[in-house]
């Protein structure tokens, strides 16, 4: 499973979780900084990414449009990248099961 990290998350997170989520990347790597959520959503959909974001707009979009792409919604406050990486490592099994389930669109992590 590969994650596409939204711009509200540091691009440094990719290197911290790449061993668990191979193929993951950040929107910055694709020239998608300061672009619309619609464009990011479409990019993730076309390239088979699961979006990882703290942006409530993606949460709403996922509720309205369903999947693909799927969304790992990080409902956490501001904190260090290491905390987010640890959260993604801790919930690796749940994230993998979520990604494999064809009936789910959103996984909320707190």
PDB file of N, CA and C in Angstrom:
ATOM      1  N   UNK A   1       0.842  -1.166   0.000  1.00  0.00           N
ATOM      2  CA  UNK A   1       0.000   0.000   0.000  1.00  0.00           C
ATOM      3  C   UNK A   1       0.889   1.231   0.000  1.00  0.00           C
ATOM      4  N   UNK A   2       0.511   2.175  -0.835  1.00  0.00           N
ATOM      5  CA  UNK A   2       1.297   3.403  -0.895  1.00  0.00           C
ATOM      6  C   UNK A   2       0.431   4.592  -0.487  1.00  0.00           C
ATOM      7  N   UNK A   3       1.019   5.437   0.340  1.00  0.00           N
ATOM      8  CA  UNK A   3       0.330   6.611   0.857  1.00  0.00           C
ATOM      9  C   UNK A   3       0.790   7.852   0.113  1.00  0.00           C
ATOM     10  N   UNK A   4      -0.139   8.767  -0.085  1.00  0.00           N
ATOM     11  CA  UNK A   4       0.176  10.087  -0.627  1.00  0.00           C
ATOM     12  C   UNK A   4      -0.064  11.079   0.497  1.00  0.00           C
ATOM     13  N   UNK A   5       1.016  11.678   0.981  1.00  0.00           N
ATOM     14  CA  UNK A   5       0.924  12.609   2.097  1.00  0.00           C
ATOM     15  C   UNK A   5       0.583  13.998   1.588  1.00  0.00           C
ATOM     16  N   UNK A   6      -0.439  14.579   2.186  1.00  0.00           N
ATOM     17  CA  UNK A   6      -0.902  15.914   1.844  1.00  0.00           C
ATOM     18  C   UNK A   6       0.102  16.957   2.327  1.00  0.00           C
ATOM     19  N   UNK A   7      -0.020  18.164   1.790  1.00  0.00           N
ATOM     20  CA  UNK A   7       0.946  19.209   2.126  1.00  0.00           C
ATOM     21  C   UNK A   7       0.877  19.666   3.575  1.00  0.00           C
ATOM     22  N   UNK A   8      -0.191  19.334   4.297  1.00  0.00           N
ATOM     23  CA  UNK A   8      -0.251  19.716   5.704  1.00  0.00           C
ATOM     24  C   UNK A   8       0.605  18.796   6.585  1.00  0.00           C
ATOM     25  N   UNK A   9       1.244  17.827   5.974  1.00  0.00           N
ATOM     26  CA  UNK A   9       2.190  16.952   6.655  1.00  0.00           C
ATOM     27  C   UNK A   9       3.570  17.175   6.052  1.00  0.00           C
ATOM     28  N   UNK A  10       4.587  17.060   6.863  1.00  0.00           N
ATOM     29  CA  UNK A  10       5.951  17.265   6.389  1.00  0.00           C
ATOM     30  C   UNK A  10       6.345  16.192   5.373  1.00  0.00           C
ATOM     31  N   UNK A  11       7.098  16.589   4.373  1.00  0.00           N
ATOM     32  CA  UNK A  11       7.582  15.616   3.397  1.00  0.00           C
ATOM     33  C   UNK A  11       8.639  14.688   4.007  1.00  0.00           C
ATOM     34  N   UNK A  12       9.170  15.045   5.176  1.00  0.00           N
ATOM     35  CA  UNK A  12      10.151  14.180   5.857  1.00  0.00           C
ATOM     36  C   UNK A  12       9.531  12.890   6.352  1.00  0.00           C
ATOM     37  N   UNK A  13       8.216  12.868   6.475  1.00  0.00           N
ATOM     38  CA  UNK A  13       7.548  11.668   6.985  1.00  0.00           C
ATOM     39  C   UNK A  13       7.728  10.479   6.043  1.00  0.00           C
ATOM     40  N   UNK A  14       7.883  10.754   4.756  1.00  0.00           N
ATOM     41  CA  UNK A  14       7.999   9.670   3.772  1.00  0.00           C
ATOM     42  C   UNK A  14       9.160   8.750   4.130  1.00  0.00           C
ATOM     43  N   UNK A  15      10.317   9.311   4.383  1.00  0.00           N
ATOM     44  CA  UNK A  15      11.491   8.479   4.681  1.00  0.00           C
ATOM     45  C   UNK A  15      11.340   7.711   5.997  1.00  0.00           C
ATOM     46  N   UNK A  16      10.497   8.215   6.887  1.00  0.00           N
ATOM     47  CA  UNK A  16      10.316   7.557   8.182  1.00  0.00           C
ATOM     48  C   UNK A  16       9.378   6.352   8.129  1.00  0.00           C
ATOM     49  N   UNK A  17       8.562   6.255   7.088  1.00  0.00           N
ATOM     50  CA  UNK A  17       7.602   5.145   7.007  1.00  0.00           C
ATOM     51  C   UNK A  17       7.711   4.346   5.709  1.00  0.00           C
ATOM     52  N   UNK A  18       8.650   4.691   4.863  1.00  0.00           N
ATOM     53  CA  UNK A  18       8.770   4.050   3.552  1.00  0.00           C
ATOM     54  C   UNK A  18       8.992   2.547   3.653  1.00  0.00           C
ATOM     55  N   UNK A  19       9.657   2.090   4.708  1.00  0.00           N
ATOM     56  CA  UNK A  19       9.871   0.655   4.865  1.00  0.00           C
ATOM     57  C   UNK A  19       8.560  -0.107   5.077  1.00  0.00           C
ATOM     58  N   UNK A  20       7.565   0.525   5.688  1.00  0.00           N
ATOM     59  CA  UNK A  20       6.256  -0.108   5.889  1.00  0.00           C
ATOM     60  C   UNK A  20       5.288   0.171   4.746  1.00  0.00           C
ATOM     61  N   UNK A  21       5.424   1.327   4.143  1.00  0.00           N
ATOM     62  CA  UNK A  21       4.501   1.757   3.092  1.00  0.00           C
ATOM     63  C   UNK A  21       5.293   2.064   1.814  1.00  0.00           C
ATOM     64  N   UNK A  22       5.833   1.023   1.166  1.00  0.00           N
ATOM     65  CA  UNK A  22       6.667   1.255  -0.028  1.00  0.00           C
ATOM     66  C   UNK A  22       5.870   1.948  -1.134  1.00  0.00           C
ATOM     67  N   UNK A  23       6.545   2.825  -1.833  1.00  0.00           N
ATOM     68  CA  UNK A  23       5.897   3.569  -2.907  1.00  0.00           C
ATOM     69  C   UNK A  23       5.213   4.835  -2.437  1.00  0.00           C
ATOM     70  N   UNK A  24       5.235   5.076  -1.131  1.00  0.00           N
ATOM     71  CA  UNK A  24       4.605   6.286  -0.591  1.00  0.00           C
ATOM     72  C   UNK A  24       5.387   7.517  -1.012  1.00  0.00           C
ATOM     73  N   UNK A  25       4.679   8.631  -1.069  1.00  0.00           N
ATOM     74  CA  UNK A  25       5.294   9.872  -1.515  1.00  0.00           C
ATOM     75  C   UNK A  25       4.534  11.059  -0.925  1.00  0.00           C
ATOM     76  N   UNK A  26       5.023  12.228  -1.195  1.00  0.00           N
ATOM     77  CA  UNK A  26       4.427  13.474  -0.713  1.00  0.00           C
ATOM     78  C   UNK A  26       3.965  14.280  -1.920  1.00  0.00           C
ATOM     79  N   UNK A  27       2.907  15.052  -1.762  1.00  0.00           N
ATOM     80  CA  UNK A  27       2.404  15.855  -2.885  1.00  0.00           C
ATOM     81  C   UNK A  27       3.479  16.777  -3.449  1.00  0.00           C
ATOM     82  N   UNK A  28       4.416  17.183  -2.604  1.00  0.00           N
ATOM     83  CA  UNK A  28       5.513  18.060  -3.037  1.00  0.00           C
ATOM     84  C   UNK A  28       6.332  17.407  -4.155  1.00  0.00           C
ATOM     85  N   UNK A  29       6.503  16.109  -4.091  1.00  0.00           N
ATOM     86  CA  UNK A  29       7.284  15.379  -5.094  1.00  0.00           C
ATOM     87  C   UNK A  29       6.620  15.356  -6.469  1.00  0.00           C
ATOM     88  N   UNK A  30       5.352  15.716  -6.514  1.00  0.00           N
ATOM     89  CA  UNK A  30       4.595  15.672  -7.762  1.00  0.00           C
ATOM     90  C   UNK A  30       4.127  17.058  -8.204  1.00  0.00           C
ATOM     91  N   UNK A  31       4.686  18.094  -7.592  1.00  0.00           N
ATOM     92  CA  UNK A  31       4.309  19.460  -7.956  1.00  0.00           C
ATOM     93  C   UNK A  31       2.880  19.806  -7.579  1.00  0.00           C
ATOM     94  N   UNK A  32       2.379  19.185  -6.517  1.00  0.00           N
ATOM     95  CA  UNK A  32       0.984  19.394  -6.125  1.00  0.00           C
ATOM     96  C   UNK A  32       0.831  20.258  -4.874  1.00  0.00           C
ATOM     97  N   UNK A  33       1.876  21.017  -4.534  1.00  0.00           N
ATOM     98  CA  UNK A  33       1.771  21.946  -3.406  1.00  0.00           C
ATOM     99  C   UNK A  33       0.890  23.122  -3.836  1.00  0.00           C
ATOM    100  N   UNK A  34       0.031  23.548  -2.931  1.00  0.00           N
ATOM    101  CA  UNK A  34      -0.888  24.673  -3.155  1.00  0.00           C
ATOM    102  C   UNK A  34      -1.782  24.464  -4.376  1.00  0.00           C
ATOM    103  N   UNK A  35      -2.181  23.208  -4.582  1.00  0.00           N
ATOM    104  CA  UNK A  35      -3.158  22.926  -5.633  1.00  0.00           C
ATOM    105  C   UNK A  35      -4.479  22.571  -4.960  1.00  0.00           C
ATOM    106  N   UNK A  36      -5.489  22.407  -5.733  1.00  0.00           N
ATOM    107  CA  UNK A  36      -6.806  22.123  -5.172  1.00  0.00           C
ATOM    108  C   UNK A  36      -6.882  20.689  -4.649  1.00  0.00           C
ATOM    109  N   UNK A  37      -7.758  20.495  -3.678  1.00  0.00           N
ATOM    110  CA  UNK A  37      -8.002  19.152  -3.160  1.00  0.00           C
ATOM    111  C   UNK A  37      -8.524  18.250  -4.273  1.00  0.00           C
ATOM    112  N   UNK A  38      -9.266  18.818  -5.191  1.00  0.00           N
ATOM    113  CA  UNK A  38      -9.807  18.049  -6.314  1.00  0.00           C
ATOM    114  C   UNK A  38      -8.680  17.456  -7.152  1.00  0.00           C
ATOM    115  N   UNK A  39      -7.658  18.247  -7.413  1.00  0.00           N
ATOM    116  CA  UNK A  39      -6.531  17.768  -8.209  1.00  0.00           C
ATOM    117  C   UNK A  39      -5.754  16.685  -7.460  1.00  0.00           C
ATOM    118  N   UNK A  40      -5.536  16.874  -6.188  1.00  0.00           N
ATOM    119  CA  UNK A  40      -4.830  15.868  -5.383  1.00  0.00           C
ATOM    120  C   UNK A  40      -5.651  14.583  -5.326  1.00  0.00           C
ATOM    121  N   UNK A  41      -6.940  14.718  -5.129  1.00  0.00           N
ATOM    122  CA  UNK A  41      -7.852  13.564  -5.086  1.00  0.00           C
ATOM    123  C   UNK A  41      -7.772  12.779  -6.398  1.00  0.00           C
ATOM    124  N   UNK A  42      -7.832  13.493  -7.491  1.00  0.00           N
ATOM    125  CA  UNK A  42      -7.777  12.868  -8.812  1.00  0.00           C
ATOM    126  C   UNK A  42      -6.424  12.183  -9.040  1.00  0.00           C
ATOM    127  N   UNK A  43      -5.340  12.840  -8.647  1.00  0.00           N
ATOM    128  CA  UNK A  43      -4.006  12.260  -8.791  1.00  0.00           C
ATOM    129  C   UNK A  43      -3.913  10.954  -8.006  1.00  0.00           C
ATOM    130  N   UNK A  44      -4.369  10.968  -6.760  1.00  0.00           N
ATOM    131  CA  UNK A  44      -4.331   9.769  -5.922  1.00  0.00           C
ATOM    132  C   UNK A  44      -5.173   8.657  -6.546  1.00  0.00           C
ATOM    133  N   UNK A  45      -6.307   9.010  -7.055  1.00  0.00           N
ATOM    134  CA  UNK A  45      -7.206   8.042  -7.681  1.00  0.00           C
ATOM    135  C   UNK A  45      -6.550   7.406  -8.907  1.00  0.00           C
ATOM    136  N   UNK A  46      -5.954   8.214  -9.749  1.00  0.00           N
ATOM    137  CA  UNK A  46      -5.341   7.727 -10.981  1.00  0.00           C
ATOM    138  C   UNK A  46      -4.103   6.879 -10.744  1.00  0.00           C
ATOM    139  N   UNK A  47      -3.401   7.128  -9.641  1.00  0.00           N
ATOM    140  CA  UNK A  47      -2.129   6.451  -9.397  1.00  0.00           C
ATOM    141  C   UNK A  47      -2.174   5.436  -8.251  1.00  0.00           C
ATOM    142  N   UNK A  48      -3.360   5.150  -7.746  1.00  0.00           N
ATOM    143  CA  UNK A  48      -3.518   4.098  -6.741  1.00  0.00           C
ATOM    144  C   UNK A  48      -3.002   4.408  -5.353  1.00  0.00           C
ATOM    145  N   UNK A  49      -3.038   5.675  -4.978  1.00  0.00           N
ATOM    146  CA  UNK A  49      -2.600   6.070  -3.642  1.00  0.00           C
ATOM    147  C   UNK A  49      -3.768   6.091  -2.669  1.00  0.00           C
ATOM    148  N   UNK A  50      -3.445   5.883  -1.402  1.00  0.00           N
ATOM    149  CA  UNK A  50      -4.329   6.188  -0.289  1.00  0.00           C
ATOM    150  C   UNK A  50      -3.830   7.514   0.266  1.00  0.00           C
ATOM    151  N   UNK A  51      -4.716   8.489   0.390  1.00  0.00           N
ATOM    152  CA  UNK A  51      -4.319   9.805   0.888  1.00  0.00           C
ATOM    153  C   UNK A  51      -4.189   9.759   2.408  1.00  0.00           C
ATOM    154  N   UNK A  52      -3.132  10.369   2.924  1.00  0.00           N
ATOM    155  CA  UNK A  52      -2.946  10.554   4.364  1.00  0.00           C
ATOM    156  C   UNK A  52      -2.948  12.062   4.611  1.00  0.00           C
ATOM    157  N   UNK A  53      -3.870  12.522   5.453  1.00  0.00           N
ATOM    158  CA  UNK A  53      -4.021  13.965   5.639  1.00  0.00           C
ATOM    159  C   UNK A  53      -4.652  14.287   6.980  1.00  0.00           C
ATOM    160  N   UNK A  54      -4.399  15.517   7.442  1.00  0.00           N
ATOM    161  CA  UNK A  54      -5.083  16.077   8.605  1.00  0.00           C
ATOM    162  C   UNK A  54      -6.168  17.058   8.159  1.00  0.00           C
ATOM    163  N   UNK A  55      -6.323  17.234   6.864  1.00  0.00           N
ATOM    164  CA  UNK A  55      -7.229  18.219   6.287  1.00  0.00           C
ATOM    165  C   UNK A  55      -8.680  17.723   6.325  1.00  0.00           C
ATOM    166  N   UNK A  56      -9.526  18.432   7.062  1.00  0.00           N
ATOM    167  CA  UNK A  56     -10.932  18.051   7.176  1.00  0.00           C
ATOM    168  C   UNK A  56     -11.655  18.108   5.831  1.00  0.00           C
ATOM    169  N   UNK A  57     -11.141  18.893   4.886  1.00  0.00           N
ATOM    170  CA  UNK A  57     -11.763  18.941   3.561  1.00  0.00           C
ATOM    171  C   UNK A  57     -11.682  17.577   2.871  1.00  0.00           C
ATOM    172  N   UNK A  58     -10.582  16.860   3.053  1.00  0.00           N
ATOM    173  CA  UNK A  58     -10.481  15.517   2.479  1.00  0.00           C
ATOM    174  C   UNK A  58     -11.454  14.571   3.170  1.00  0.00           C
ATOM    175  N   UNK A  59     -11.636  14.759   4.459  1.00  0.00           N
ATOM    176  CA  UNK A  59     -12.610  13.946   5.188  1.00  0.00           C
ATOM    177  C   UNK A  59     -13.999  14.134   4.590  1.00  0.00           C
ATOM    178  N   UNK A  60     -14.381  15.382   4.378  1.00  0.00           N
ATOM    179  CA  UNK A  60     -15.689  15.670   3.785  1.00  0.00           C
ATOM    180  C   UNK A  60     -15.796  15.102   2.368  1.00  0.00           C
ATOM    181  N   UNK A  61     -14.760  15.271   1.584  1.00  0.00           N
ATOM    182  CA  UNK A  61     -14.737  14.776   0.208  1.00  0.00           C
ATOM    183  C   UNK A  61     -14.924  13.253   0.190  1.00  0.00           C
ATOM    184  N   UNK A  62     -14.265  12.581   1.123  1.00  0.00           N
ATOM    185  CA  UNK A  62     -14.382  11.135   1.191  1.00  0.00           C
ATOM    186  C   UNK A  62     -15.798  10.700   1.565  1.00  0.00           C
ATOM    187  N   UNK A  63     -16.437  11.452   2.454  1.00  0.00           N
ATOM    188  CA  UNK A  63     -17.822  11.138   2.828  1.00  0.00           C
ATOM    189  C   UNK A  63     -18.771  11.319   1.646  1.00  0.00           C
ATOM    190  N   UNK A  64     -18.517  12.331   0.845  1.00  0.00           N
ATOM    191  CA  UNK A  64     -19.394  12.630  -0.296  1.00  0.00           C
ATOM    192  C   UNK A  64     -19.148  11.687  -1.470  1.00  0.00           C
ATOM    193  N   UNK A  65     -17.873  11.475  -1.808  1.00  0.00           N
ATOM    194  CA  UNK A  65     -17.540  10.745  -3.030  1.00  0.00           C
ATOM    195  C   UNK A  65     -17.146   9.286  -2.808  1.00  0.00           C
ATOM    196  N   UNK A  66     -16.892   8.890  -1.583  1.00  0.00           N
ATOM    197  CA  UNK A  66     -16.447   7.518  -1.350  1.00  0.00           C
ATOM    198  C   UNK A  66     -15.040   7.301  -1.879  1.00  0.00           C
ATOM    199  N   UNK A  67     -14.766   6.081  -2.265  1.00  0.00           N
ATOM    200  CA  UNK A  67     -13.430   5.756  -2.756  1.00  0.00           C
ATOM    201  C   UNK A  67     -13.509   5.080  -4.112  1.00  0.00           C
ATOM    202  N   UNK A  68     -12.468   5.006  -4.866  1.00  0.00           N
ATOM    203  CA  UNK A  68     -11.128   5.468  -4.565  1.00  0.00           C
ATOM    204  C   UNK A  68     -10.990   6.975  -4.727  1.00  0.00           C
ATOM    205  N   UNK A  69      -9.967   7.561  -4.164  1.00  0.00           N
ATOM    206  CA  UNK A  69      -8.989   6.950  -3.275  1.00  0.00           C
ATOM    207  C   UNK A  69      -9.523   6.831  -1.861  1.00  0.00           C
ATOM    208  N   UNK A  70      -8.867   6.013  -1.096  1.00  0.00           N
ATOM    209  CA  UNK A  70      -9.182   5.895   0.319  1.00  0.00           C
ATOM    210  C   UNK A  70      -8.453   7.003   1.073  1.00  0.00           C
ATOM    211  N   UNK A  71      -8.886   7.239   2.305  1.00  0.00           N
ATOM    212  CA  UNK A  71      -8.311   8.305   3.120  1.00  0.00           C
ATOM    213  C   UNK A  71      -7.967   7.800   4.507  1.00  0.00           C
ATOM    214  N   UNK A  72      -6.721   8.015   4.912  1.00  0.00           N
ATOM    215  CA  UNK A  72      -6.321   7.856   6.305  1.00  0.00           C
ATOM    216  C   UNK A  72      -6.342   9.271   6.870  1.00  0.00           C
ATOM    217  N   UNK A  73      -7.369   9.536   7.674  1.00  0.00           N
ATOM    218  CA  UNK A  73      -7.573  10.867   8.236  1.00  0.00           C
ATOM    219  C   UNK A  73      -6.933  10.924   9.610  1.00  0.00           C
ATOM    220  N   UNK A  74      -5.930  11.766   9.735  1.00  0.00           N
ATOM    221  CA  UNK A  74      -5.182  11.916  10.984  1.00  0.00           C
ATOM    222  C   UNK A  74      -5.807  13.045  11.793  1.00  0.00           C
ATOM    223  N   UNK A  75      -6.688  12.681  12.689  1.00  0.00           N
ATOM    224  CA  UNK A  75      -7.378  13.683  13.500  1.00  0.00           C
ATOM    225  C   UNK A  75      -6.555  13.936  14.759  1.00  0.00           C
ATOM    226  N   UNK A  76      -5.470  14.648  14.526  1.00  0.00           N
ATOM    227  CA  UNK A  76      -4.531  14.966  15.599  1.00  0.00           C
ATOM    228  C   UNK A  76      -4.176  16.438  15.471  1.00  0.00           C
ATOM    229  N   UNK A  77      -3.724  17.001  16.547  1.00  0.00           N
ATOM    230  CA  UNK A  77      -3.297  18.396  16.504  1.00  0.00           C
ATOM    231  C   UNK A  77      -1.902  18.515  15.916  1.00  0.00           C
ATOM    232  N   UNK A  78      -1.359  19.692  16.049  1.00  0.00           N
ATOM    233  CA  UNK A  78       0.005  19.907  15.585  1.00  0.00           C
ATOM    234  C   UNK A  78       0.967  19.112  16.464  1.00  0.00           C
ATOM    235  N   UNK A  79       1.958  18.578  15.826  1.00  0.00           N
ATOM    236  CA  UNK A  79       2.945  17.810  16.561  1.00  0.00           C
ATOM    237  C   UNK A  79       4.101  17.479  15.649  1.00  0.00           C
ATOM    238  N   UNK A  80       5.125  16.895  16.205  1.00  0.00           N
ATOM    239  CA  UNK A  80       6.302  16.577  15.399  1.00  0.00           C
ATOM    240  C   UNK A  80       6.016  15.454  14.397  1.00  0.00           C
ATOM    241  N   UNK A  81       6.775  15.480  13.334  1.00  0.00           N
ATOM    242  CA  UNK A  81       6.673  14.451  12.301  1.00  0.00           C
ATOM    243  C   UNK A  81       6.892  13.066  12.896  1.00  0.00           C
ATOM    244  N   UNK A  82       7.775  12.976  13.865  1.00  0.00           N
ATOM    245  CA  UNK A  82       8.056  11.680  14.498  1.00  0.00           C
ATOM    246  C   UNK A  82       6.807  11.096  15.160  1.00  0.00           C
ATOM    247  N   UNK A  83       5.942  11.957  15.694  1.00  0.00           N
ATOM    248  CA  UNK A  83       4.696  11.480  16.311  1.00  0.00           C
ATOM    249  C   UNK A  83       3.767  10.888  15.251  1.00  0.00           C
ATOM    250  N   UNK A  84       3.656  11.542  14.120  1.00  0.00           N
ATOM    251  CA  UNK A  84       2.800  11.051  13.037  1.00  0.00           C
ATOM    252  C   UNK A  84       3.357   9.743  12.482  1.00  0.00           C
ATOM    253  N   UNK A  85       4.666   9.686  12.302  1.00  0.00           N
ATOM    254  CA  UNK A  85       5.297   8.459  11.813  1.00  0.00           C
ATOM    255  C   UNK A  85       5.049   7.311  12.785  1.00  0.00           C
ATOM    256  N   UNK A  86       5.160   7.588  14.087  1.00  0.00           N
ATOM    257  CA  UNK A  86       4.909   6.556  15.084  1.00  0.00           C
ATOM    258  C   UNK A  86       3.459   6.085  15.030  1.00  0.00           C
ATOM    259  N   UNK A  87       2.540   6.994  14.848  1.00  0.00           N
ATOM    260  CA  UNK A  87       1.127   6.646  14.720  1.00  0.00           C
ATOM    261  C   UNK A  87       0.910   5.712  13.525  1.00  0.00           C
ATOM    262  N   UNK A  88       1.533   6.022  12.397  1.00  0.00           N
ATOM    263  CA  UNK A  88       1.400   5.189  11.205  1.00  0.00           C
ATOM    264  C   UNK A  88       2.058   3.824  11.391  1.00  0.00           C
ATOM    265  N   UNK A  89       3.131   3.765  12.169  1.00  0.00           N
ATOM    266  CA  UNK A  89       3.762   2.474  12.460  1.00  0.00           C
ATOM    267  C   UNK A  89       2.896   1.660  13.426  1.00  0.00           C
ATOM    268  N   UNK A  90       2.379   2.329  14.456  1.00  0.00           N
ATOM    269  CA  UNK A  90       1.558   1.649  15.466  1.00  0.00           C
ATOM    270  C   UNK A  90       0.309   1.028  14.845  1.00  0.00           C
ATOM    271  N   UNK A  91      -0.304   1.742  13.926  1.00  0.00           N
ATOM    272  CA  UNK A  91      -1.557   1.281  13.333  1.00  0.00           C
ATOM    273  C   UNK A  91      -1.367   0.623  11.959  1.00  0.00           C
ATOM    274  N   UNK A  92      -0.172   0.116  11.702  1.00  0.00           N
ATOM    275  CA  UNK A  92       0.115  -0.493  10.406  1.00  0.00           C
ATOM    276  C   UNK A  92      -0.879  -1.609  10.052  1.00  0.00           C
ATOM    277  N   UNK A  93      -1.151  -2.500  10.980  1.00  0.00           N
ATOM    278  CA  UNK A  93      -2.057  -3.620  10.711  1.00  0.00           C
ATOM    279  C   UNK A  93      -3.456  -3.099  10.391  1.00  0.00           C
ATOM    280  N   UNK A  94      -3.955  -2.150  11.191  1.00  0.00           N
ATOM    281  CA  UNK A  94      -5.288  -1.601  10.954  1.00  0.00           C
ATOM    282  C   UNK A  94      -5.341  -0.860   9.618  1.00  0.00           C
ATOM    283  N   UNK A  95      -4.288  -0.136   9.284  1.00  0.00           N
ATOM    284  CA  UNK A  95      -4.250   0.589   8.016  1.00  0.00           C
ATOM    285  C   UNK A  95      -4.234  -0.395   6.855  1.00  0.00           C
ATOM    286  N   UNK A  96      -3.478  -1.461   6.977  1.00  0.00           N
ATOM    287  CA  UNK A  96      -3.426  -2.483   5.929  1.00  0.00           C
ATOM    288  C   UNK A  96      -4.777  -3.166   5.741  1.00  0.00           C
ATOM    289  N   UNK A  97      -5.427  -3.513   6.847  1.00  0.00           N
ATOM    290  CA  UNK A  97      -6.755  -4.131   6.765  1.00  0.00           C
ATOM    291  C   UNK A  97      -7.770  -3.172   6.153  1.00  0.00           C
ATOM    292  N   UNK A  98      -7.702  -1.919   6.544  1.00  0.00           N
ATOM    293  CA  UNK A  98      -8.581  -0.889   5.972  1.00  0.00           C
ATOM    294  C   UNK A  98      -8.370  -0.797   4.474  1.00  0.00           C
ATOM    295  N   UNK A  99      -7.132  -0.736   4.054  1.00  0.00           N
ATOM    296  CA  UNK A  99      -6.826  -0.594   2.638  1.00  0.00           C
ATOM    297  C   UNK A  99      -7.327  -1.792   1.831  1.00  0.00           C
ATOM    298  N   UNK A 100      -7.289  -2.978   2.426  1.00  0.00           N
ATOM    299  CA  UNK A 100      -7.710  -4.192   1.734  1.00  0.00           C
ATOM    300  C   UNK A 100      -9.230  -4.365   1.705  1.00  0.00           C
ATOM    301  N   UNK A 101      -9.937  -3.658   2.562  1.00  0.00           N
ATOM    302  CA  UNK A 101     -11.393  -3.800   2.650  1.00  0.00           C
ATOM    303  C   UNK A 101     -12.073  -2.973   1.557  1.00  0.00           C
ATOM    304  N   UNK A 102     -12.751  -3.600   0.629  1.00  0.00           N
ATOM    305  CA  UNK A 102     -13.376  -2.867  -0.480  1.00  0.00           C
ATOM    306  C   UNK A 102     -14.587  -2.033  -0.057  1.00  0.00           C
ATOM    307  N   UNK A 103     -15.029  -2.169   1.179  1.00  0.00           N
ATOM    308  CA  UNK A 103     -16.240  -1.482   1.643  1.00  0.00           C
ATOM    309  C   UNK A 103     -15.977  -0.237   2.460  1.00  0.00           C
ATOM    310  N   UNK A 104     -14.713   0.094   2.713  1.00  0.00           N
ATOM    311  CA  UNK A 104     -14.408   1.235   3.571  1.00  0.00           C
ATOM    312  C   UNK A 104     -13.699   2.331   2.786  1.00  0.00           C
ATOM    313  N   UNK A 105     -14.004   3.571   3.145  1.00  0.00           N
ATOM    314  CA  UNK A 105     -13.424   4.728   2.467  1.00  0.00           C
ATOM    315  C   UNK A 105     -12.499   5.544   3.352  1.00  0.00           C
ATOM    316  N   UNK A 106     -12.799   5.567   4.668  1.00  0.00           N
ATOM    317  CA  UNK A 106     -12.078   6.439   5.595  1.00  0.00           C
ATOM    318  C   UNK A 106     -11.639   5.639   6.816  1.00  0.00           C
ATOM    319  N   UNK A 107     -10.407   5.872   7.212  1.00  0.00           N
ATOM    320  CA  UNK A 107      -9.905   5.374   8.485  1.00  0.00           C
ATOM    321  C   UNK A 107      -9.463   6.601   9.279  1.00  0.00           C
ATOM    322  N   UNK A 108     -10.055   6.788  10.445  1.00  0.00           N
ATOM    323  CA  UNK A 108      -9.711   7.922  11.291  1.00  0.00           C
ATOM    324  C   UNK A 108      -8.772   7.454  12.396  1.00  0.00           C
ATOM    325  N   UNK A 109      -7.615   8.112  12.465  1.00  0.00           N
ATOM    326  CA  UNK A 109      -6.658   7.821  13.530  1.00  0.00           C
ATOM    327  C   UNK A 109      -6.566   9.041  14.448  1.00  0.00           C
ATOM    328  N   UNK A 110      -6.569   8.768  15.747  1.00  0.00           N
ATOM    329  CA  UNK A 110      -6.474   9.853  16.724  1.00  0.00           C
ATOM    330  C   UNK A 110      -5.325   9.609  17.674  1.00  0.00           C
TER     331      UNK A 110
END
